[in-house]
Amino acid sequence: MPRVSQQQTDQNRIAIEKASSRLFREKGLDGVSVAEVMAAAGLTHGGFYGHFSSKDGLAAVACAKAFEQSGARWDQRFADLPEPGERRRAYVEGYLATATRDRPGSSCTAAALAGDVARAQADAPVRAAYLDGVKAMAARLASLQPDAGSPEAGQRALAEMATLVGALLLSRATKGDPISDALLASARAQLLQQGAES
């Protein structure tokens, strides 16, 4: 059997990370098997352990990668918006959109994995990756405040993050009922009003 090149090995690992990142956000950490991840990556189950020692290790890498990808997407969206206020508005409107609610596999990792990470063991690798991602999200929101860099901006960013993630989680949990859209609209209106006042 021919040996796989380093380039192919790297491509396979990237495919596993991408597939697991999407699947874990769609179905939760316990809702996805290694076999399912590998099938979604277009690889055989046996190849998994050449890349990761365990599903827990993969979950941590996938979580970190998902936060990283989300940050890169926001940076791309912000590229044409020079003012922090415009970027904040775009963030709030994009985050609290029905499209975000309806696509957990490609949207916010903080919301998609919150319940799973809360139930994970204290020393689970995914907890550290999640914490790093949440801190990065808070820093991004703080940078969008008019007084970025101040302690008050950091405090507002934490409150805004709690509102964003909470509204998205509740909206997903109530999808199909009118309250689902109302949760998004109310949180969006409140955050945009707060932004206009600051």
Foldseek 3Di string as FASTA:
>chain_A
DDDDDPVVVVLLLVLLLLLCLLCCLVQNLVRDDLQRSQVSSVHGSVCVCVRDVDSLRSLQSSLLVLLVVQVVVLCVVCVPPDALLVSLLCCLPVLLDVVQLVRRSNHDSCQSHVVVLVPDDPPRSNVVSSVVSVVVQLLSQLCSAPPRPDPVSSVVSVVLVCLSSVLSNVLNVPPPDPVSNVSSVVSSVVVNVVSVVD
